[in-house]
Every structure is written in C-alpha cells, then in structure tokens.
Amino acid sequence: MRTLFALALLFAASLSAADPKADAVPAHASGVALVEVSDVSTYDLRRVDGDAGVLYKLKRVSGSGEFRSEVYVTTHPGGFRPRDSEPKPSLPLKPDSFQKGDRFWVAFASPYDRENHTQGVLAFWPEKAAPRAALEAAVKADTYKWQPQYDPKLKLSIGRLVEKGSWRVRAERDGKPLWERKLDGAPTDASAAWGLYQSFGGEVRAPMPKCGQVLFAETHTELAKGNEFDLPPGAYYLNRAYDPETGKVHSATVRLPQGPSVVRVERDYDPATGKPTRENRYTFLETGGKAAGAKAESWYRKVRRTFDAAGKVAKEETFRYEDGAAPDTRWVLVK
C-alpha cells in the first residue's frame, strides 16, 4: 500500500515540470476537476500501429471547464516514426500513479498543447495534498466555463460558452479577452465545426489571417426570410471562419442540417470591411440539365457570384457538375 508521503513526493516531482508553484493552478488549463478513478486497465494497440500503456478512467466529482473521462499513459510507443526520432515522453502521469478508487484533483491541458502535454494533463494532486483553496475557488466561480483551449504557437486561447438559444465564442491572451461573438442557435458536433485550422476547405478563396490559422464556429440556426445568404428561410448549419486574433470574419459556409454534408453556399469576405467578395451557390435540380449540356435532366448546379466593394453582385456565372471528370475540369461553364 502506498503512503500519502510517497504519493506527495511523486506528484511534487511530476508537477514541477508543469508549474513551479505547487500552490496554484497551472496557467493555460482548459479545466480542473476533482476526480475519482473508476477503473485502471492496460491496452496494447501496437499490432494496429498504436501504443501500449495504462488507461485511467475518471469519474468527475466536481469541477469547472473541460473534463476528460479517459487518460492514456503510454509505456511502449508504437507506430512508424522517422529514423533516429524519439517519441515524446508520456507525462505527467505514471503507470502506477493512480489506483482504482483514488481521488485526485486534475488540471487538463488543451488539445493544441499536446506536444508539450502528451496525456492532455497539465498537473495532478492527491485530494488531501492539492492547492485546495485555488482549485475550489476556481470550481465555485466556474473559472473555466469557457473551456479555454490554449495554442502555444498563437499564444492565445479560444473558448465557447453555450447558453439558452445561443452561444458565445471568444479568444483571449494572457487572461484578457481579445474579442467575443454571440451566435444564435447551438454548436454542432460535425467535423471541422469548432476549433483552429490551417485551411478553409471547399472552394473558399478568402485571405488567410496573418497568424496562419482560422477559427471555425459552426452553429445550427434558423435563417429568416430575407437572410444575408438569400436562402429560403429555415434551419441550416452556418459555419463562420474567424481570424483568431481579431474576430473578423473571413468566410462562411451554409449547409443543410443533416448528414452527409450538403453545402448550399460558400462565401468569402473582405475581413477589413466585412463585405462579401465572392460566393458559390450549390443546388441539385431535377430539370434543365440537358439544356445546360448534361446527359440527363437532373443536374448539379453551381452559381458563382462576385461582389463589388459595396457588397453588391457584380458578376454571376453558372456551372454544371460533370460526373467522372478530373477535379480541375469537373465544373463546366454553362454561361
């Protein structure tokens, strides 16, 4: 049986790498929680190009912000790596750090910071040896309700807060908000619906922010009659791409609220003015295909619009989709 003294020494050693101050919560945490270890097991995925190690399953007792119910501690790295390269050590938890039934305080790390914190954990403390005043104060105040996700390259955190009928998105640096936006509806759980990305995807041609990343925030919302995208009123998935540092909109994609994805509009914006510069509108039509040069009456149409400096339509072109054509020739100009 391990003693509390031995545990304290173990955690003090692991904590020193994450935060030299043992009486405070580490900076850039995405959440903190008092957890109970519900299960401890081993795993070995090396046959399928994975790792082997110990899996801790956690039950949240109390907390604020992001919580992860599973933490993987790698003991034998697998997979293919460049020659002479060494995998990052699995820190700060060890294969014998937790036992089933143990209670600990855990500070979770942002997924964008996994290079430095491979387990998704910044620090951990046994319940009785934790900086309880700081941790309990954070839980009481719900300090991490935005679930801030820190990116060490941008040196900022992005976060979101879901409310009734709407949600908010913001970015902060050094604990100070840079910008904040309110979005009607609710966040979706689709791929590329939330987070930082290095490209827009699709046929978006908007300028990339100076920082080299965009923040996607997709919401399931209702578009009213006369909406800015000139779409029939109804429910849609609306995904805007923001500059993480300024909050300015660079693009927007509107999809039908379903899976698989059906894009209706892709729009580029001038981030300096907020005006649209270009958009693609996609529609599947049951008639008119042969008149547009297709082999059948049903056809997939793309209408490309370009806008002037005032945001008014300056040019419009129509294309049809050619099945089986090469990617760069699959859209055929109709007029």
Protein backbone atom coordinates (compact mmCIF):
# COMPACT_ATOMS: atom_id res chain seq x y z
CA MET A 1 0.00 0.00 0.00
CA ARG A 2 1.38 3.37 -0.96
CA THR A 3 1.66 6.01 1.69
CA LEU A 4 0.45 9.56 1.33
CA PHE A 5 4.02 10.74 1.83
CA ALA A 6 5.24 8.69 -1.11
CA LEU A 7 2.38 9.99 -3.23
CA ALA A 8 3.20 13.57 -2.32
CA LEU A 9 6.80 13.11 -3.43
CA LEU A 10 5.68 11.52 -6.68
CA PHE A 11 3.22 14.29 -7.52
CA ALA A 12 5.60 17.06 -6.49
CA ALA A 13 8.13 15.70 -8.96
CA SER A 14 5.59 15.44 -11.78
CA LEU A 15 4.12 18.86 -11.01
CA SER A 16 7.46 20.67 -11.16
CA ALA A 17 7.64 20.17 -14.91
CA ALA A 18 4.17 21.66 -15.40
CA ASP A 19 4.20 24.50 -12.89
CA PRO A 20 6.89 25.52 -10.39
CA LYS A 21 4.26 26.88 -7.98
CA ALA A 22 2.64 23.98 -6.15
CA ASP A 23 0.06 26.27 -4.52
CA ALA A 24 -1.56 27.47 -7.74
CA VAL A 25 -3.39 26.09 -10.75
CA PRO A 26 -1.07 25.87 -13.80
CA ALA A 27 -1.53 28.53 -16.45
CA HIS A 28 -3.42 27.65 -19.65
CA ALA A 29 -5.59 24.92 -18.10
CA SER A 30 -8.73 24.08 -20.06
CA GLY A 31 -10.47 22.83 -16.94
CA VAL A 32 -9.95 21.47 -13.43
CA ALA A 33 -11.78 18.67 -11.68
CA LEU A 34 -11.84 16.58 -8.55
CA VAL A 35 -12.00 13.06 -9.93
CA GLU A 36 -12.39 9.51 -8.70
CA VAL A 37 -10.51 6.77 -10.54
CA SER A 38 -13.24 4.37 -11.65
CA ASP A 39 -11.02 1.88 -13.48
CA VAL A 40 -7.38 1.08 -14.28
CA SER A 41 -6.54 -1.20 -17.21
CA THR A 42 -3.81 -1.87 -19.75
CA TYR A 43 -4.01 -1.61 -23.52
CA ASP A 44 -1.79 -2.71 -26.40
CA LEU A 45 -2.50 -1.37 -29.87
CA ARG A 46 0.92 -1.94 -31.37
CA ARG A 47 -0.46 -4.53 -33.79
CA VAL A 48 -2.53 -1.77 -35.39
CA ASP A 49 0.22 0.85 -35.35
CA GLY A 50 -0.73 2.20 -31.93
CA ASP A 51 0.86 2.35 -28.48
CA ALA A 52 0.73 0.24 -25.35
CA GLY A 53 0.19 1.51 -21.86
CA VAL A 54 -2.20 2.10 -18.98
CA LEU A 55 -5.70 3.56 -19.29
CA TYR A 56 -7.19 5.50 -16.40
CA LYS A 57 -10.95 6.03 -16.43
CA LEU A 58 -12.07 9.01 -14.38
CA LYS A 59 -15.36 9.99 -12.79
CA ARG A 60 -15.92 13.68 -12.18
CA VAL A 61 -16.86 14.61 -8.62
CA SER A 62 -16.78 18.38 -9.14
CA GLY A 63 -15.04 20.75 -11.50
CA SER A 64 -15.07 23.61 -13.97
CA GLY A 65 -14.43 23.57 -17.70
CA GLU A 66 -13.19 20.70 -19.81
CA PHE A 67 -13.20 17.19 -18.36
CA ARG A 68 -11.75 14.04 -19.87
CA SER A 69 -13.06 10.73 -18.65
CA GLU A 70 -10.08 8.78 -20.00
CA VAL A 71 -6.34 9.40 -19.76
CA TYR A 72 -3.81 7.22 -21.61
CA VAL A 73 -0.32 6.69 -20.17
CA THR A 74 1.98 5.32 -22.88
CA THR A 75 4.58 2.81 -21.69
CA HIS A 76 5.64 1.35 -25.07
CA PRO A 77 5.31 3.68 -28.08
CA GLY A 78 4.33 2.03 -31.34
CA GLY A 79 3.79 3.21 -34.87
CA PHE A 80 6.15 4.33 -37.58
CA ARG A 81 8.41 7.29 -36.90
CA PRO A 82 11.29 8.96 -38.74
CA ARG A 83 14.62 7.22 -38.24
CA ASP A 84 16.56 8.34 -35.16
CA SER A 85 13.50 10.12 -33.76
CA GLU A 86 12.30 9.61 -30.22
CA PRO A 87 8.65 9.87 -29.17
CA LYS A 88 7.70 12.47 -26.61
CA PRO A 89 7.65 11.06 -23.06
CA SER A 90 4.22 10.33 -21.61
CA LEU A 91 3.85 12.90 -18.80
CA PRO A 92 3.00 13.75 -16.07
CA LEU A 93 1.09 10.61 -15.00
CA LYS A 94 2.98 7.36 -14.47
CA PRO A 95 1.74 3.78 -14.93
CA ASP A 96 1.34 3.46 -11.15
CA SER A 97 0.16 7.00 -10.35
CA PHE A 98 -3.49 6.03 -9.83
CA GLN A 99 -5.30 3.11 -8.30
CA LYS A 100 -8.99 2.35 -8.59
CA GLY A 101 -10.93 4.35 -6.03
CA ASP A 102 -8.29 7.09 -5.64
CA ARG A 103 -9.45 10.71 -5.62
CA PHE A 104 -7.32 13.41 -7.19
CA TRP A 105 -7.50 16.95 -8.48
CA VAL A 106 -6.56 17.19 -12.17
CA ALA A 107 -5.81 20.21 -14.37
CA PHE A 108 -6.45 19.36 -18.03
CA ALA A 109 -4.42 20.63 -20.98
CA SER A 110 -5.62 21.97 -24.30
CA PRO A 111 -5.51 19.53 -27.25
CA TYR A 112 -3.49 22.17 -29.13
CA ASP A 113 -0.84 21.83 -26.44
CA ARG A 114 -0.44 18.05 -26.74
CA GLU A 115 3.13 18.45 -28.00
CA ASN A 116 4.08 19.67 -24.53
CA HIS A 117 1.47 17.70 -22.55
CA THR A 118 1.12 14.36 -24.27
CA GLN A 119 -1.55 12.97 -21.92
CA GLY A 120 -3.78 16.03 -22.01
CA VAL A 121 -2.95 16.64 -18.34
CA LEU A 122 -1.12 19.69 -17.01
CA ALA A 123 -0.87 18.65 -13.37
CA PHE A 124 -2.48 16.44 -10.74
CA TRP A 125 -2.57 16.24 -6.96
CA PRO A 126 -3.90 13.75 -4.41
CA GLU A 127 -7.06 15.20 -2.90
CA LYS A 128 -5.57 15.99 0.50
CA ALA A 129 -2.28 17.39 -0.86
CA ALA A 130 -3.79 19.68 -3.52
CA PRO A 131 -3.86 23.50 -3.52
CA ARG A 132 -7.49 23.20 -2.45
CA ALA A 133 -8.15 26.90 -1.92
CA ALA A 134 -7.24 27.78 -5.51
CA LEU A 135 -8.96 24.74 -7.02
CA GLU A 136 -12.16 25.03 -5.01
CA ALA A 137 -12.32 28.76 -5.74
CA ALA A 138 -12.00 28.00 -9.48
CA VAL A 139 -14.84 25.48 -9.27
CA LYS A 140 -17.07 27.80 -7.23
CA ALA A 141 -16.54 30.69 -9.65
CA ASP A 142 -16.70 28.34 -12.67
CA THR A 143 -13.49 29.96 -13.87
CA TYR A 144 -13.10 27.56 -16.80
CA LYS A 145 -16.71 27.63 -18.04
CA TRP A 146 -15.44 28.79 -21.46
CA GLN A 147 -13.24 25.64 -21.65
CA PRO A 148 -10.30 27.73 -22.94
CA GLN A 149 -8.12 25.89 -25.45
CA TYR A 150 -4.59 27.26 -25.45
CA ASP A 151 -2.49 27.25 -28.61
CA PRO A 152 1.21 27.75 -27.77
CA LYS A 153 2.00 28.82 -31.34
CA LEU A 154 -0.53 31.65 -31.32
CA LYS A 155 -0.11 32.21 -27.58
CA LEU A 156 -3.86 32.62 -27.18
CA SER A 157 -6.83 30.57 -26.00
CA ILE A 158 -10.14 30.07 -27.76
CA GLY A 159 -13.29 29.25 -25.84
CA ARG A 160 -17.04 28.87 -26.17
CA LEU A 161 -19.95 29.15 -23.77
CA VAL A 162 -23.33 27.59 -24.57
CA GLU A 163 -26.41 29.45 -23.35
CA LYS A 164 -30.14 29.03 -23.89
CA GLY A 165 -30.86 29.50 -27.58
CA SER A 166 -27.41 30.88 -28.34
CA TRP A 167 -23.72 30.52 -27.60
CA ARG A 168 -20.69 32.74 -27.45
CA VAL A 169 -17.22 32.43 -28.91
CA ARG A 170 -14.15 34.33 -27.81
CA ALA A 171 -10.37 34.44 -27.84
CA GLU A 172 -8.13 35.64 -25.04
CA ARG A 173 -4.44 36.23 -24.49
CA ASP A 174 -2.75 36.38 -21.08
CA GLY A 175 -6.16 36.12 -19.45
CA LYS A 176 -7.57 39.15 -21.29
CA PRO A 177 -10.33 38.74 -23.92
CA LEU A 178 -9.32 39.83 -27.44
CA TRP A 179 -12.82 39.59 -28.92
CA GLU A 180 -16.18 37.90 -28.41
CA ARG A 181 -19.13 36.99 -30.68
CA LYS A 182 -22.65 35.81 -29.93
CA LEU A 183 -24.09 33.13 -32.25
CA ASP A 184 -27.76 32.22 -32.49
CA GLY A 185 -28.60 28.53 -32.26
CA ALA A 186 -26.43 25.74 -30.86
CA PRO A 187 -22.97 24.39 -31.77
CA THR A 188 -22.84 21.30 -33.97
CA ASP A 189 -20.59 18.29 -33.44
CA ALA A 190 -19.68 17.82 -37.11
CA SER A 191 -16.14 17.55 -38.43
CA ALA A 192 -14.35 20.92 -38.62
CA ALA A 193 -17.25 22.55 -36.79
CA TRP A 194 -15.17 24.02 -33.99
CA GLY A 195 -11.51 24.82 -33.49
CA LEU A 196 -8.37 26.12 -35.14
CA TYR A 197 -7.47 25.03 -38.67
CA GLN A 198 -4.79 25.89 -41.20
CA SER A 199 -7.06 26.00 -44.27
CA PHE A 200 -10.65 26.83 -45.18
CA GLY A 201 -11.55 23.71 -47.16
CA GLY A 202 -14.00 23.51 -50.05
CA GLU A 203 -13.69 26.23 -52.69
CA VAL A 204 -13.24 29.09 -50.26
CA ARG A 205 -10.66 31.58 -51.53
CA ALA A 206 -10.74 34.12 -48.69
CA PRO A 207 -7.42 35.54 -47.47
CA MET A 208 -5.83 33.55 -44.67
CA PRO A 209 -5.34 35.51 -41.42
CA LYS A 210 -1.80 36.71 -40.75
CA CYS A 211 -1.44 34.18 -37.93
CA GLY A 212 -1.85 31.32 -40.43
CA GLN A 213 -4.94 29.78 -38.80
CA VAL A 214 -8.70 30.26 -38.80
CA LEU A 215 -11.22 29.57 -36.09
CA PHE A 216 -14.29 27.63 -37.25
CA ALA A 217 -17.51 28.00 -35.26
CA GLU A 218 -20.50 26.18 -36.77
CA THR A 219 -23.97 26.76 -35.37
CA HIS A 220 -27.29 25.02 -36.01
CA THR A 221 -29.51 28.02 -36.52
CA GLU A 222 -32.60 29.39 -38.23
CA LEU A 223 -32.21 31.76 -41.17
CA ALA A 224 -35.11 34.17 -41.51
CA LYS A 225 -36.77 35.40 -44.68
CA GLY A 226 -34.50 37.87 -46.48
CA ASN A 227 -31.36 36.49 -44.82
CA GLU A 228 -27.92 37.66 -45.97
CA PHE A 229 -27.30 34.45 -47.95
CA ASP A 230 -30.50 34.81 -49.99
CA LEU A 231 -31.58 31.29 -48.98
CA PRO A 232 -35.12 30.07 -48.26
CA PRO A 233 -35.96 30.53 -44.57
CA GLY A 234 -35.39 27.51 -42.39
CA ALA A 235 -32.84 25.55 -40.37
CA TYR A 236 -29.21 25.40 -41.52
CA TYR A 237 -25.69 24.71 -40.30
CA LEU A 238 -23.80 28.00 -40.55
CA ASN A 239 -20.01 27.83 -40.15
CA ARG A 240 -18.09 31.09 -40.00
CA ALA A 241 -14.29 31.25 -40.15
CA TYR A 242 -12.82 33.92 -37.88
CA ASP A 243 -9.38 35.43 -37.53
CA PRO A 244 -8.40 34.04 -34.10
CA GLU A 245 -6.63 37.26 -33.15
CA THR A 246 -9.17 39.85 -34.31
CA GLY A 247 -12.51 38.06 -34.59
CA LYS A 248 -13.01 39.33 -38.13
CA VAL A 249 -14.93 37.01 -40.46
CA HIS A 250 -13.04 35.62 -43.45
CA SER A 251 -15.57 33.11 -44.82
CA ALA A 252 -18.91 31.42 -44.17
CA THR A 253 -20.30 28.06 -45.25
CA VAL A 254 -24.01 27.22 -45.08
CA ARG A 255 -25.05 23.57 -45.13
CA LEU A 256 -28.30 21.67 -44.85
CA PRO A 257 -28.80 20.46 -41.25
CA GLN A 258 -28.14 16.80 -41.97
CA GLY A 259 -25.50 14.19 -42.62
CA PRO A 260 -23.92 13.64 -45.09
CA SER A 261 -22.90 17.24 -45.70
CA VAL A 262 -24.77 19.19 -48.37
CA VAL A 263 -23.29 22.66 -48.89
CA ARG A 264 -25.62 25.36 -50.15
CA VAL A 265 -23.39 28.46 -50.00
CA GLU A 266 -19.67 29.15 -49.60
CA ARG A 267 -18.87 32.83 -49.19
CA ASP A 268 -15.61 34.80 -48.98
CA TYR A 269 -15.40 38.11 -47.15
CA ASP A 270 -13.09 41.07 -47.12
CA PRO A 271 -12.12 40.99 -43.42
CA ALA A 272 -11.30 44.71 -43.45
CA THR A 273 -14.84 45.75 -44.47
CA GLY A 274 -16.92 42.71 -43.61
CA LYS A 275 -18.39 42.78 -47.14
CA PRO A 276 -18.69 39.62 -49.28
CA THR A 277 -16.27 39.36 -52.20
CA ARG A 278 -17.15 36.01 -53.79
CA GLU A 279 -19.50 33.10 -53.26
CA ASN A 280 -20.50 29.73 -54.70
CA ARG A 281 -24.14 28.60 -54.53
CA TYR A 282 -24.90 24.89 -54.97
CA THR A 283 -28.26 23.37 -55.95
CA PHE A 284 -29.38 19.97 -57.20
CA LEU A 285 -32.08 20.40 -59.84
CA GLU A 286 -34.46 17.80 -61.26
CA THR A 287 -34.95 19.60 -64.57
CA GLY A 288 -32.96 21.69 -67.04
CA GLY A 289 -29.87 19.50 -67.21
CA LYS A 290 -30.00 18.75 -70.93
CA ALA A 291 -30.44 22.41 -71.77
CA ALA A 292 -27.30 23.07 -69.72
CA GLY A 293 -25.35 20.41 -71.67
CA ALA A 294 -25.77 17.46 -69.29
CA LYS A 295 -26.78 13.96 -70.37
CA ALA A 296 -29.83 13.88 -68.10
CA GLU A 297 -32.46 16.34 -66.95
CA SER A 298 -31.32 16.21 -63.33
CA TRP A 299 -28.09 18.09 -62.67
CA TYR A 300 -25.91 19.67 -60.01
CA ARG A 301 -25.54 23.43 -60.47
CA LYS A 302 -23.05 25.91 -59.11
CA VAL A 303 -23.65 29.64 -59.39
CA ARG A 304 -20.57 31.76 -58.73
CA ARG A 305 -21.10 35.36 -57.73
CA THR A 306 -18.54 38.10 -57.35
CA PHE A 307 -19.33 41.27 -55.44
CA ASP A 308 -18.26 44.87 -55.76
CA ALA A 309 -16.77 46.95 -52.93
CA ALA A 310 -20.26 47.75 -51.64
CA GLY A 311 -21.16 44.07 -51.39
CA LYS A 312 -23.49 44.10 -54.41
CA VAL A 313 -23.45 41.34 -57.05
CA ALA A 314 -21.18 42.45 -59.90
CA LYS A 315 -20.92 39.20 -61.88
CA GLU A 316 -22.67 35.84 -61.97
CA GLU A 317 -21.60 32.60 -63.70
CA THR A 318 -23.36 29.21 -63.87
CA PHE A 319 -21.59 25.84 -63.93
CA ARG A 320 -22.76 22.23 -64.11
CA TYR A 321 -21.06 19.29 -62.48
CA GLU A 322 -19.59 16.70 -64.87
CA ASP A 323 -19.51 13.22 -63.34
CA GLY A 324 -16.24 11.35 -63.85
CA ALA A 325 -14.25 14.40 -64.90
CA ALA A 326 -10.88 15.34 -63.41
CA PRO A 327 -11.06 17.61 -60.33
CA ASP A 328 -9.90 20.68 -62.25
CA THR A 329 -12.45 20.19 -65.07
CA ARG A 330 -15.49 18.76 -63.28
CA TRP A 331 -17.28 22.12 -63.20
CA VAL A 332 -18.26 23.08 -66.76
CA LEU A 333 -19.17 26.69 -67.52
CA VAL A 334 -22.75 26.97 -68.82
CA LYS A 335 -23.00 30.73 -69.10
